[in-house]
Amino acid sequence: MTDEKVPLRKRRRTVAEIEQLVNEFAGSGLNRSQFCRRRGLTLGTLNRYLKMMGREAGSVASCTALVAVELTAAKCDSSSGLAVVLANARRIEVGASFDETALRHLVRVLETL
C-alpha cells in the first residue's frame, strides 16, 4: 500500500456560476487583474468566461459603457409600462406591473445571443 497523493479533479463551474462571476466583474469597478486576485481566478479563466458570455475580454467597456438612446413618442398600449426597441429590431416591452425577475432573466438571455 502506498501513500501516493491522487490529484483532486477540480469541479467545473456551472453556466450560472460563470454568469454570476462575469456579472460581478462587470459591476466591481476593478480591472481584470485586481478582480482575479480577489477571486482566486487566473486571467485566462476570466477571459474565457467573458468570451463565453459574449463580453469583450480586453475590458469591461462592452458591459458598462454608456450608450446613446433616443426617446420617441410612440403609441403604446395603455397597459404598457416600458418599451425598448434595440438597433437590431428586437423589442422588449413590459407592462406597468411587470415581473422584475423575469425581465432580468430575459435580458441575460438576450445578452448571450
N, C-alpha and C. Protein backbone atom coordinates (compact mmCIF):
# COMPACT_ATOMS: atom_id res chain seq x y z
N MET A 1 0.85 -1.19 0.00
CA MET A 1 0.00 0.00 0.00
C MET A 1 0.88 1.24 0.00
N THR A 2 0.60 2.16 -0.87
CA THR A 2 1.41 3.37 -0.96
C THR A 2 0.61 4.56 -0.50
N ASP A 3 1.33 5.58 -0.12
CA ASP A 3 0.70 6.82 0.34
C ASP A 3 0.76 7.89 -0.75
N GLU A 4 0.67 7.47 -2.00
CA GLU A 4 0.72 8.44 -3.09
C GLU A 4 -0.54 9.31 -3.06
N LYS A 5 -0.32 10.58 -3.29
CA LYS A 5 -1.45 11.51 -3.33
C LYS A 5 -2.04 11.52 -4.73
N VAL A 6 -3.32 11.31 -4.80
CA VAL A 6 -4.02 11.37 -6.07
C VAL A 6 -4.52 12.79 -6.24
N PRO A 7 -4.11 13.45 -7.34
CA PRO A 7 -4.58 14.83 -7.52
C PRO A 7 -6.09 14.88 -7.64
N LEU A 8 -6.67 15.83 -6.92
CA LEU A 8 -8.11 16.00 -6.98
C LEU A 8 -8.49 16.75 -8.25
N ARG A 9 -9.52 16.29 -8.87
CA ARG A 9 -10.00 16.96 -10.07
C ARG A 9 -10.87 18.14 -9.65
N LYS A 10 -10.55 19.29 -10.21
CA LYS A 10 -11.32 20.49 -9.86
C LYS A 10 -12.72 20.41 -10.45
N ARG A 11 -13.68 20.84 -9.67
CA ARG A 11 -15.07 20.87 -10.12
C ARG A 11 -15.24 21.99 -11.13
N ARG A 12 -15.93 21.70 -12.20
CA ARG A 12 -16.21 22.73 -13.20
C ARG A 12 -17.35 23.62 -12.73
N ARG A 13 -17.25 24.89 -13.07
CA ARG A 13 -18.33 25.82 -12.72
C ARG A 13 -19.50 25.63 -13.67
N THR A 14 -20.69 25.82 -13.14
CA THR A 14 -21.88 25.76 -13.97
C THR A 14 -21.99 27.06 -14.76
N VAL A 15 -22.84 27.06 -15.77
CA VAL A 15 -23.06 28.27 -16.57
C VAL A 15 -23.58 29.39 -15.68
N ALA A 16 -24.44 29.05 -14.72
CA ALA A 16 -24.98 30.07 -13.81
C ALA A 16 -23.86 30.67 -12.95
N GLU A 17 -22.93 29.84 -12.50
CA GLU A 17 -21.81 30.35 -11.69
C GLU A 17 -20.90 31.23 -12.53
N ILE A 18 -20.67 30.84 -13.77
CA ILE A 18 -19.84 31.65 -14.67
C ILE A 18 -20.51 32.99 -14.95
N GLU A 19 -21.80 32.95 -15.21
CA GLU A 19 -22.55 34.18 -15.46
C GLU A 19 -22.49 35.10 -14.24
N GLN A 20 -22.58 34.52 -13.06
CA GLN A 20 -22.51 35.32 -11.83
C GLN A 20 -21.13 35.97 -11.70
N LEU A 21 -20.06 35.22 -11.97
CA LEU A 21 -18.71 35.79 -11.90
C LEU A 21 -18.53 36.93 -12.90
N VAL A 22 -19.01 36.73 -14.12
CA VAL A 22 -18.89 37.77 -15.15
C VAL A 22 -19.66 39.02 -14.73
N ASN A 23 -20.86 38.84 -14.19
CA ASN A 23 -21.65 39.99 -13.73
C ASN A 23 -20.99 40.68 -12.55
N GLU A 24 -20.41 39.90 -11.64
CA GLU A 24 -19.69 40.50 -10.51
C GLU A 24 -18.50 41.31 -11.01
N PHE A 25 -17.78 40.78 -11.98
CA PHE A 25 -16.64 41.50 -12.55
C PHE A 25 -17.11 42.81 -13.18
N ALA A 26 -18.18 42.72 -13.97
CA ALA A 26 -18.69 43.91 -14.65
C ALA A 26 -19.09 45.01 -13.67
N GLY A 27 -19.64 44.64 -12.54
CA GLY A 27 -20.08 45.63 -11.56
C GLY A 27 -19.06 45.98 -10.51
N SER A 28 -17.91 45.33 -10.55
CA SER A 28 -16.92 45.52 -9.48
C SER A 28 -16.14 46.83 -9.57
N GLY A 29 -15.97 47.35 -10.78
CA GLY A 29 -15.16 48.54 -10.94
C GLY A 29 -13.67 48.24 -10.90
N LEU A 30 -13.31 46.97 -10.80
CA LEU A 30 -11.92 46.55 -10.75
C LEU A 30 -11.44 46.19 -12.15
N ASN A 31 -10.10 46.26 -12.35
CA ASN A 31 -9.60 45.76 -13.61
C ASN A 31 -9.50 44.24 -13.51
N ARG A 32 -9.20 43.58 -14.61
CA ARG A 32 -9.19 42.12 -14.64
C ARG A 32 -8.21 41.53 -13.63
N SER A 33 -7.02 42.09 -13.54
CA SER A 33 -6.01 41.55 -12.63
C SER A 33 -6.47 41.66 -11.17
N GLN A 34 -6.98 42.81 -10.80
CA GLN A 34 -7.45 43.01 -9.42
C GLN A 34 -8.58 42.05 -9.09
N PHE A 35 -9.54 41.92 -9.99
CA PHE A 35 -10.68 41.03 -9.76
C PHE A 35 -10.20 39.58 -9.61
N CYS A 36 -9.32 39.17 -10.50
CA CYS A 36 -8.81 37.79 -10.45
C CYS A 36 -8.08 37.50 -9.15
N ARG A 37 -7.26 38.45 -8.71
CA ARG A 37 -6.54 38.24 -7.43
C ARG A 37 -7.52 38.09 -6.28
N ARG A 38 -8.53 38.93 -6.25
CA ARG A 38 -9.51 38.87 -5.15
C ARG A 38 -10.36 37.61 -5.18
N ARG A 39 -10.62 37.10 -6.38
CA ARG A 39 -11.49 35.93 -6.51
C ARG A 39 -10.72 34.62 -6.68
N GLY A 40 -9.39 34.69 -6.74
CA GLY A 40 -8.60 33.48 -6.91
C GLY A 40 -8.73 32.85 -8.29
N LEU A 41 -8.89 33.67 -9.30
CA LEU A 41 -9.00 33.21 -10.69
C LEU A 41 -7.74 33.55 -11.45
N THR A 42 -7.51 32.88 -12.55
CA THR A 42 -6.43 33.29 -13.46
C THR A 42 -7.04 34.22 -14.51
N LEU A 43 -6.19 35.04 -15.10
CA LEU A 43 -6.68 35.94 -16.15
C LEU A 43 -7.25 35.14 -17.31
N GLY A 44 -6.61 34.02 -17.65
CA GLY A 44 -7.09 33.19 -18.74
C GLY A 44 -8.49 32.67 -18.49
N THR A 45 -8.75 32.28 -17.26
CA THR A 45 -10.08 31.78 -16.91
C THR A 45 -11.12 32.88 -17.05
N LEU A 46 -10.82 34.07 -16.50
CA LEU A 46 -11.77 35.18 -16.61
C LEU A 46 -11.99 35.55 -18.08
N ASN A 47 -10.91 35.62 -18.86
CA ASN A 47 -11.05 35.95 -20.28
C ASN A 47 -11.93 34.93 -21.00
N ARG A 48 -11.73 33.65 -20.68
CA ARG A 48 -12.54 32.60 -21.29
C ARG A 48 -14.02 32.77 -20.92
N TYR A 49 -14.28 33.09 -19.65
CA TYR A 49 -15.65 33.29 -19.20
C TYR A 49 -16.28 34.50 -19.87
N LEU A 50 -15.51 35.59 -20.00
CA LEU A 50 -16.02 36.79 -20.66
C LEU A 50 -16.37 36.48 -22.12
N LYS A 51 -15.49 35.74 -22.78
CA LYS A 51 -15.75 35.38 -24.17
C LYS A 51 -16.98 34.48 -24.28
N MET A 52 -17.08 33.55 -23.35
CA MET A 52 -18.20 32.61 -23.33
C MET A 52 -19.53 33.34 -23.16
N MET A 53 -19.53 34.40 -22.37
CA MET A 53 -20.75 35.16 -22.11
C MET A 53 -20.93 36.32 -23.09
N GLY A 54 -20.09 36.35 -24.13
CA GLY A 54 -20.26 37.37 -25.15
C GLY A 54 -19.77 38.74 -24.75
N ARG A 55 -18.89 38.79 -23.77
CA ARG A 55 -18.33 40.08 -23.33
C ARG A 55 -16.93 40.20 -23.87
N GLU A 56 -16.47 41.42 -24.06
CA GLU A 56 -15.12 41.67 -24.55
C GLU A 56 -14.13 41.35 -23.44
N ALA A 57 -13.15 40.52 -23.73
CA ALA A 57 -12.18 40.11 -22.72
C ALA A 57 -11.21 41.22 -22.36
N GLY A 58 -10.93 42.14 -23.26
CA GLY A 58 -9.93 43.16 -23.01
C GLY A 58 -10.34 44.23 -22.02
N SER A 59 -11.61 44.44 -21.86
CA SER A 59 -12.08 45.47 -20.94
C SER A 59 -13.53 45.20 -20.59
N VAL A 60 -14.02 45.98 -19.67
CA VAL A 60 -15.43 45.84 -19.32
C VAL A 60 -16.28 46.86 -20.07
N ALA A 61 -15.67 47.55 -21.03
CA ALA A 61 -16.40 48.59 -21.75
C ALA A 61 -17.67 48.07 -22.39
N SER A 62 -17.63 46.82 -22.85
CA SER A 62 -18.80 46.30 -23.54
C SER A 62 -19.99 46.10 -22.61
N CYS A 63 -19.74 46.06 -21.30
CA CYS A 63 -20.87 45.84 -20.41
C CYS A 63 -21.12 47.02 -19.49
N THR A 64 -20.28 48.04 -19.51
CA THR A 64 -20.50 49.17 -18.63
C THR A 64 -20.51 50.51 -19.36
N ALA A 65 -20.29 50.51 -20.67
CA ALA A 65 -20.22 51.76 -21.41
C ALA A 65 -21.60 52.39 -21.52
N LEU A 66 -21.60 53.70 -21.61
CA LEU A 66 -22.85 54.42 -21.83
C LEU A 66 -23.21 54.32 -23.30
N VAL A 67 -24.48 54.25 -23.57
CA VAL A 67 -24.97 54.13 -24.93
C VAL A 67 -25.97 55.24 -25.18
N ALA A 68 -25.84 55.90 -26.32
CA ALA A 68 -26.78 56.96 -26.67
C ALA A 68 -28.14 56.34 -26.95
N VAL A 69 -29.17 56.96 -26.44
CA VAL A 69 -30.53 56.49 -26.69
C VAL A 69 -31.36 57.62 -27.24
N GLU A 70 -32.40 57.27 -27.93
CA GLU A 70 -33.31 58.26 -28.48
C GLU A 70 -34.69 58.01 -27.90
N LEU A 71 -35.25 59.02 -27.28
CA LEU A 71 -36.60 58.92 -26.74
C LEU A 71 -37.57 59.39 -27.80
N THR A 72 -38.57 58.60 -28.05
CA THR A 72 -39.56 58.98 -29.04
C THR A 72 -40.95 58.83 -28.46
N ALA A 73 -41.85 59.60 -28.96
CA ALA A 73 -43.24 59.48 -28.55
C ALA A 73 -43.86 58.42 -29.47
N ALA A 74 -44.20 57.31 -28.89
CA ALA A 74 -44.78 56.23 -29.68
C ALA A 74 -46.12 55.85 -29.08
N LYS A 75 -46.98 55.38 -29.93
CA LYS A 75 -48.28 54.92 -29.44
C LYS A 75 -48.07 53.59 -28.74
N CYS A 76 -48.47 53.55 -27.50
CA CYS A 76 -48.30 52.33 -26.72
C CYS A 76 -49.65 51.93 -26.15
N ASP A 77 -49.74 50.69 -25.89
CA ASP A 77 -50.89 50.15 -25.18
C ASP A 77 -51.01 50.88 -23.85
N SER A 78 -52.19 51.07 -23.36
CA SER A 78 -52.34 51.69 -22.05
C SER A 78 -51.79 50.78 -20.95
N SER A 79 -51.67 49.48 -21.25
CA SER A 79 -51.13 48.54 -20.28
C SER A 79 -49.61 48.48 -20.32
N SER A 80 -49.02 49.14 -21.31
CA SER A 80 -47.58 49.09 -21.48
C SER A 80 -46.89 50.06 -20.53
N GLY A 81 -45.93 49.55 -19.78
CA GLY A 81 -45.19 50.40 -18.87
C GLY A 81 -43.91 50.91 -19.49
N LEU A 82 -43.25 50.06 -20.29
CA LEU A 82 -41.97 50.42 -20.86
C LEU A 82 -41.73 49.59 -22.12
N ALA A 83 -41.22 50.24 -23.15
CA ALA A 83 -40.86 49.52 -24.38
C ALA A 83 -39.46 49.97 -24.79
N VAL A 84 -38.61 49.01 -25.10
CA VAL A 84 -37.26 49.29 -25.57
C VAL A 84 -37.10 48.61 -26.92
N VAL A 85 -36.74 49.41 -27.93
CA VAL A 85 -36.50 48.85 -29.26
C VAL A 85 -35.01 48.98 -29.52
N LEU A 86 -34.37 47.85 -29.75
CA LEU A 86 -32.94 47.82 -29.97
C LEU A 86 -32.61 48.03 -31.44
N ALA A 87 -31.35 48.36 -31.72
CA ALA A 87 -30.92 48.64 -33.08
C ALA A 87 -31.16 47.46 -34.01
N ASN A 88 -31.10 46.25 -33.49
CA ASN A 88 -31.29 45.06 -34.32
C ASN A 88 -32.76 44.69 -34.45
N ALA A 89 -33.65 45.63 -34.16
CA ALA A 89 -35.11 45.49 -34.28
C ALA A 89 -35.72 44.60 -33.20
N ARG A 90 -34.97 44.19 -32.23
CA ARG A 90 -35.56 43.47 -31.10
C ARG A 90 -36.32 44.47 -30.25
N ARG A 91 -37.42 44.03 -29.71
CA ARG A 91 -38.26 44.91 -28.90
C ARG A 91 -38.56 44.22 -27.58
N ILE A 92 -38.34 44.93 -26.50
CA ILE A 92 -38.67 44.43 -25.18
C ILE A 92 -39.74 45.37 -24.64
N GLU A 93 -40.87 44.81 -24.30
CA GLU A 93 -41.97 45.61 -23.79
C GLU A 93 -42.53 44.93 -22.56
N VAL A 94 -42.68 45.71 -21.51
CA VAL A 94 -43.23 45.16 -20.27
C VAL A 94 -44.40 46.01 -19.82
N GLY A 95 -45.33 45.36 -19.16
CA GLY A 95 -46.50 46.05 -18.64
C GLY A 95 -46.14 46.87 -17.41
N ALA A 96 -47.10 47.67 -16.96
CA ALA A 96 -46.86 48.54 -15.82
C ALA A 96 -46.54 47.75 -14.55
N SER A 97 -47.05 46.55 -14.44
CA SER A 97 -46.76 45.73 -13.25
C SER A 97 -46.00 44.47 -13.67
N PHE A 98 -44.82 44.69 -14.28
CA PHE A 98 -44.03 43.56 -14.79
C PHE A 98 -43.30 42.84 -13.67
N ASP A 99 -42.91 41.61 -13.95
CA ASP A 99 -42.15 40.80 -13.02
C ASP A 99 -40.67 41.09 -13.25
N GLU A 100 -40.04 41.77 -12.30
CA GLU A 100 -38.66 42.19 -12.44
C GLU A 100 -37.71 41.01 -12.65
N THR A 101 -37.95 39.92 -11.96
CA THR A 101 -37.09 38.74 -12.08
C THR A 101 -37.14 38.18 -13.50
N ALA A 102 -38.33 38.11 -14.06
CA ALA A 102 -38.48 37.60 -15.42
C ALA A 102 -37.78 38.52 -16.42
N LEU A 103 -37.87 39.83 -16.22
CA LEU A 103 -37.20 40.77 -17.12
C LEU A 103 -35.69 40.61 -17.03
N ARG A 104 -35.14 40.46 -15.82
CA ARG A 104 -33.70 40.27 -15.67
C ARG A 104 -33.25 39.01 -16.41
N HIS A 105 -34.02 37.95 -16.27
CA HIS A 105 -33.69 36.70 -16.95
C HIS A 105 -33.71 36.90 -18.47
N LEU A 106 -34.73 37.59 -18.98
CA LEU A 106 -34.84 37.84 -20.41
C LEU A 106 -33.64 38.64 -20.90
N VAL A 107 -33.24 39.67 -20.18
CA VAL A 107 -32.11 40.50 -20.60
C VAL A 107 -30.84 39.66 -20.61
N ARG A 108 -30.61 38.80 -19.62
CA ARG A 108 -29.43 37.93 -19.60
C ARG A 108 -29.40 37.01 -20.82
N VAL A 109 -30.55 36.46 -21.15
CA VAL A 109 -30.62 35.58 -22.31
C VAL A 109 -30.29 36.36 -23.59
N LEU A 110 -30.87 37.55 -23.73
CA LEU A 110 -30.62 38.36 -24.91
C LEU A 110 -29.16 38.78 -25.02
N GLU A 111 -28.52 39.02 -23.89
CA GLU A 111 -27.11 39.42 -23.91
C GLU A 111 -26.21 38.31 -24.42
N THR A 112 -26.63 37.07 -24.29
CA THR A 112 -25.79 35.96 -24.73
C THR A 112 -25.99 35.63 -26.20
N LEU A 113 -26.99 36.22 -26.83
CA LEU A 113 -27.25 35.93 -28.25
C LEU A 113 -26.33 36.70 -29.16
